[in-house]
Amino acid sequence: MQEIEDAEMKSSFRVIP
């Protein structure tokens, strides 16, 4: 269940910029 969290974290980081 780490791949899902990694994908969500990367998506959140992309929303900041």
PDB file of N, CA and C in Angstrom:
ATOM      1  N   MET A   1       0.866  -1.223   0.000  1.00  0.00           N
ATOM      2  CA  MET A   1       0.000   0.000   0.000  1.00  0.00           C
ATOM      3  C   MET A   1       0.881   1.245   0.000  1.00  0.00           C
ATOM      4  N   GLN A   2       2.096   1.092  -0.437  1.00  0.00           N
ATOM      5  CA  GLN A   2       2.979   2.276  -0.454  1.00  0.00           C
ATOM      6  C   GLN A   2       2.911   2.950  -1.830  1.00  0.00           C
ATOM      7  N   GLU A   3       2.622   2.168  -2.831  1.00  0.00           N
ATOM      8  CA  GLU A   3       2.556   2.757  -4.187  1.00  0.00           C
ATOM      9  C   GLU A   3       1.395   3.757  -4.257  1.00  0.00           C
ATOM     10  N   ILE A   4       0.307   3.447  -3.627  1.00  0.00           N
ATOM     11  CA  ILE A   4      -0.863   4.355  -3.675  1.00  0.00           C
ATOM     12  C   ILE A   4      -0.525   5.673  -2.967  1.00  0.00           C
ATOM     13  N   GLU A   5       0.105   5.561  -1.801  1.00  0.00           N
ATOM     14  CA  GLU A   5       0.438   6.793  -1.048  1.00  0.00           C
ATOM     15  C   GLU A   5       1.466   7.604  -1.840  1.00  0.00           C
ATOM     16  N   ASP A   6       2.401   6.937  -2.465  1.00  0.00           N
ATOM     17  CA  ASP A   6       3.423   7.646  -3.247  1.00  0.00           C
ATOM     18  C   ASP A   6       2.758   8.416  -4.400  1.00  0.00           C
ATOM     19  N   ALA A   7       1.804   7.786  -5.031  1.00  0.00           N
ATOM     20  CA  ALA A   7       1.119   8.441  -6.170  1.00  0.00           C
ATOM     21  C   ALA A   7       0.315   9.637  -5.657  1.00  0.00           C
ATOM     22  N   GLU A   8      -0.318   9.497  -4.532  1.00  0.00           N
ATOM     23  CA  GLU A   8      -1.131  10.627  -4.008  1.00  0.00           C
ATOM     24  C   GLU A   8      -0.206  11.763  -3.559  1.00  0.00           C
ATOM     25  N   MET A   9       0.916  11.415  -2.986  1.00  0.00           N
ATOM     26  CA  MET A   9       1.863  12.455  -2.515  1.00  0.00           C
ATOM     27  C   MET A   9       2.413  13.209  -3.735  1.00  0.00           C
ATOM     28  N   LYS A  10       2.749  12.485  -4.775  1.00  0.00           N
ATOM     29  CA  LYS A  10       3.292  13.155  -5.980  1.00  0.00           C
ATOM     30  C   LYS A  10       2.202  14.036  -6.598  1.00  0.00           C
ATOM     31  N   SER A  11       0.981  13.582  -6.566  1.00  0.00           N
ATOM     32  CA  SER A  11      -0.118  14.369  -7.163  1.00  0.00           C
ATOM     33  C   SER A  11      -0.294  15.666  -6.357  1.00  0.00           C
ATOM     34  N   SER A  12      -0.180  15.572  -5.055  1.00  0.00           N
ATOM     35  CA  SER A  12      -0.365  16.760  -4.196  1.00  0.00           C
ATOM     36  C   SER A  12       0.775  17.748  -4.475  1.00  0.00           C
ATOM     37  N   PHE A  13       1.963  17.210  -4.638  1.00  0.00           N
ATOM     38  CA  PHE A  13       3.114  18.094  -4.890  1.00  0.00           C
ATOM     39  C   PHE A  13       2.949  18.808  -6.236  1.00  0.00           C
ATOM     40  N   ARG A  14       2.306  18.157  -7.146  1.00  0.00           N
ATOM     41  CA  ARG A  14       2.144  18.758  -8.494  1.00  0.00           C
ATOM     42  C   ARG A  14       1.049  19.840  -8.416  1.00  0.00           C
ATOM     43  N   VAL A  15       0.193  19.751  -7.471  1.00  0.00           N
ATOM     44  CA  VAL A  15      -0.894  20.746  -7.381  1.00  0.00           C
ATOM     45  C   VAL A  15      -0.375  22.044  -6.743  1.00  0.00           C
ATOM     46  N   ILE A  16       0.668  21.924  -5.932  1.00  0.00           N
ATOM     47  CA  ILE A  16       1.206  23.132  -5.257  1.00  0.00           C
ATOM     48  C   ILE A  16       1.754  24.132  -6.298  1.00  0.00           C
ATOM     49  N   PRO A  17       2.627  23.686  -7.156  1.00  0.00           N
ATOM     50  CA  PRO A  17       3.198  24.583  -8.187  1.00  0.00           C
ATOM     51  C   PRO A  17       2.214  24.808  -9.321  1.00  0.00           C
TER      52      PRO A  17
END
